[in-house]
């Protein structure tokens, strides 16, 4: 897999993980709460994951949504903090 294809795969995983938590990263960008740099940093952490297939399976199992990310997610703290901020806002 090319470097760009791998980046795109993980960018999609980040977006789907956010969606599973009820987050819309595009909306967050429009509100000024999320930047392209934030997305690159988040995807970079995701790129360090050794088992993206496991993540894809988890996402398939949680299409209806989730209260939290799986424990192995490298962006767990970030995404859950974003969710908590939106829930309490």
C-alpha atoms as a PDB file:
ATOM      1  CA  UNK A   1       0.000   0.000   0.000  1.00  0.00           C
ATOM      2  CA  UNK A   2       1.360   3.416  -0.923  1.00  0.00           C
ATOM      3  CA  UNK A   3       2.050   6.021   1.726  1.00  0.00           C
ATOM      4  CA  UNK A   4      -0.878   8.163   0.566  1.00  0.00           C
ATOM      5  CA  UNK A   5      -3.252   5.188   0.488  1.00  0.00           C
ATOM      6  CA  UNK A   6      -2.242   4.242   4.033  1.00  0.00           C
ATOM      7  CA  UNK A   7      -2.724   7.849   5.208  1.00  0.00           C
ATOM      8  CA  UNK A   8      -6.152   7.978   3.538  1.00  0.00           C
ATOM      9  CA  UNK A   9      -7.131   4.669   5.158  1.00  0.00           C
ATOM     10  CA  UNK A  10      -6.258   5.976   8.611  1.00  0.00           C
ATOM     11  CA  UNK A  11      -7.891   9.356   7.962  1.00  0.00           C
ATOM     12  CA  UNK A  12     -11.090   7.445   7.187  1.00  0.00           C
ATOM     13  CA  UNK A  13     -10.715   5.412  10.385  1.00  0.00           C
ATOM     14  CA  UNK A  14     -10.331   8.623  12.410  1.00  0.00           C
ATOM     15  CA  UNK A  15     -13.441  10.106  10.825  1.00  0.00           C
ATOM     16  CA  UNK A  16     -15.463   6.940  11.382  1.00  0.00           C
ATOM     17  CA  UNK A  17     -14.298   6.652  14.993  1.00  0.00           C
ATOM     18  CA  UNK A  18     -15.356  10.260  15.573  1.00  0.00           C
ATOM     19  CA  UNK A  19     -18.719   9.561  13.923  1.00  0.00           C
ATOM     20  CA  UNK A  20     -19.228   6.519  16.159  1.00  0.00           C
ATOM     21  CA  UNK A  21     -18.959   8.910  19.112  1.00  0.00           C
ATOM     22  CA  UNK A  22     -21.402  11.339  17.524  1.00  0.00           C
ATOM     23  CA  UNK A  23     -18.710  13.799  16.445  1.00  0.00           C
ATOM     24  CA  UNK A  24     -18.678  15.601  13.115  1.00  0.00           C
ATOM     25  CA  UNK A  25     -15.087  16.706  12.503  1.00  0.00           C
ATOM     26  CA  UNK A  26     -16.093  18.898   9.553  1.00  0.00           C
ATOM     27  CA  UNK A  27     -18.587  20.704  11.764  1.00  0.00           C
ATOM     28  CA  UNK A  28     -15.907  21.034  14.439  1.00  0.00           C
ATOM     29  CA  UNK A  29     -13.589  22.632  11.855  1.00  0.00           C
ATOM     30  CA  UNK A  30     -16.294  25.056  10.776  1.00  0.00           C
ATOM     31  CA  UNK A  31     -16.841  26.016  14.428  1.00  0.00           C
ATOM     32  CA  UNK A  32     -13.114  26.640  14.867  1.00  0.00           C
ATOM     33  CA  UNK A  33     -12.713  23.783  17.361  1.00  0.00           C
ATOM     34  CA  UNK A  34     -10.670  21.540  15.066  1.00  0.00           C
ATOM     35  CA  UNK A  35      -7.972  22.423  12.545  1.00  0.00           C
ATOM     36  CA  UNK A  36      -6.348  20.654   9.613  1.00  0.00           C
ATOM     37  CA  UNK A  37      -3.237  20.411  11.812  1.00  0.00           C
ATOM     38  CA  UNK A  38      -5.324  18.659  14.486  1.00  0.00           C
ATOM     39  CA  UNK A  39      -6.513  16.183  11.866  1.00  0.00           C
ATOM     40  CA  UNK A  40      -2.970  15.498  10.628  1.00  0.00           C
ATOM     41  CA  UNK A  41      -1.746  14.907  14.188  1.00  0.00           C
ATOM     42  CA  UNK A  42      -4.676  12.607  14.918  1.00  0.00           C
ATOM     43  CA  UNK A  43      -4.146  10.629  11.712  1.00  0.00           C
ATOM     44  CA  UNK A  44      -0.420  10.419  12.495  1.00  0.00           C
ATOM     45  CA  UNK A  45      -1.228   8.796  15.847  1.00  0.00           C
ATOM     46  CA  UNK A  46      -3.635   6.424  14.087  1.00  0.00           C
ATOM     47  CA  UNK A  47      -0.918   5.505  11.587  1.00  0.00           C
ATOM     48  CA  UNK A  48       1.018   4.022  14.503  1.00  0.00           C
ATOM     49  CA  UNK A  49      -1.734   1.458  15.056  1.00  0.00           C
ATOM     50  CA  UNK A  50      -0.539  -2.052  14.326  1.00  0.00           C
ATOM     51  CA  UNK A  51      -3.988  -3.514  13.665  1.00  0.00           C
ATOM     52  CA  UNK A  52      -6.275  -1.238  11.622  1.00  0.00           C
ATOM     53  CA  UNK A  53      -8.300  -4.299  10.564  1.00  0.00           C
ATOM     54  CA  UNK A  54      -9.337  -4.781  14.198  1.00  0.00           C
ATOM     55  CA  UNK A  55     -10.447  -1.143  14.307  1.00  0.00           C
ATOM     56  CA  UNK A  56     -12.481  -1.627  11.121  1.00  0.00           C
ATOM     57  CA  UNK A  57     -14.212  -4.595  12.728  1.00  0.00           C
ATOM     58  CA  UNK A  58     -14.967  -2.586  15.867  1.00  0.00           C
ATOM     59  CA  UNK A  59     -16.404   0.215  13.751  1.00  0.00           C
ATOM     60  CA  UNK A  60     -18.578  -2.268  11.837  1.00  0.00           C
ATOM     61  CA  UNK A  61     -19.905  -3.543  15.171  1.00  0.00           C
ATOM     62  CA  UNK A  62     -20.665   0.011  16.367  1.00  0.00           C
ATOM     63  CA  UNK A  63     -22.350   1.535  13.330  1.00  0.00           C
ATOM     64  CA  UNK A  64     -25.215   2.666  15.558  1.00  0.00           C
ATOM     65  CA  UNK A  65     -22.778   4.575  17.764  1.00  0.00           C
ATOM     66  CA  UNK A  66     -20.706   4.122  20.877  1.00  0.00           C
ATOM     67  CA  UNK A  67     -20.229   5.781  24.228  1.00  0.00           C
ATOM     68  CA  UNK A  68     -16.442   5.419  24.119  1.00  0.00           C
ATOM     69  CA  UNK A  69     -13.668   4.321  21.832  1.00  0.00           C
ATOM     70  CA  UNK A  70     -11.948   0.965  22.268  1.00  0.00           C
ATOM     71  CA  UNK A  71      -9.130   0.935  24.797  1.00  0.00           C
ATOM     72  CA  UNK A  72      -6.465   0.357  22.156  1.00  0.00           C
ATOM     73  CA  UNK A  73      -7.360   3.484  20.139  1.00  0.00           C
ATOM     74  CA  UNK A  74      -4.394   5.845  20.026  1.00  0.00           C
ATOM     75  CA  UNK A  75      -6.821   8.781  19.879  1.00  0.00           C
ATOM     76  CA  UNK A  76      -9.114   7.595  22.681  1.00  0.00           C
ATOM     77  CA  UNK A  77      -8.368  10.450  25.092  1.00  0.00           C
ATOM     78  CA  UNK A  78      -8.650  13.130  22.413  1.00  0.00           C
ATOM     79  CA  UNK A  79     -11.899  11.904  20.885  1.00  0.00           C
ATOM     80  CA  UNK A  80     -13.562  11.228  24.215  1.00  0.00           C
ATOM     81  CA  UNK A  81     -12.554  14.682  25.490  1.00  0.00           C
ATOM     82  CA  UNK A  82     -14.123  16.239  22.394  1.00  0.00           C
ATOM     83  CA  UNK A  83     -17.275  14.237  22.958  1.00  0.00           C
ATOM     84  CA  UNK A  84     -17.431  15.209  26.628  1.00  0.00           C
ATOM     85  CA  UNK A  85     -17.036  18.875  25.715  1.00  0.00           C
ATOM     86  CA  UNK A  86     -19.925  18.684  23.278  1.00  0.00           C
ATOM     87  CA  UNK A  87     -22.178  16.718  25.630  1.00  0.00           C
ATOM     88  CA  UNK A  88     -21.702  19.230  28.443  1.00  0.00           C
ATOM     89  CA  UNK A  89     -21.971  22.299  26.187  1.00  0.00           C
END
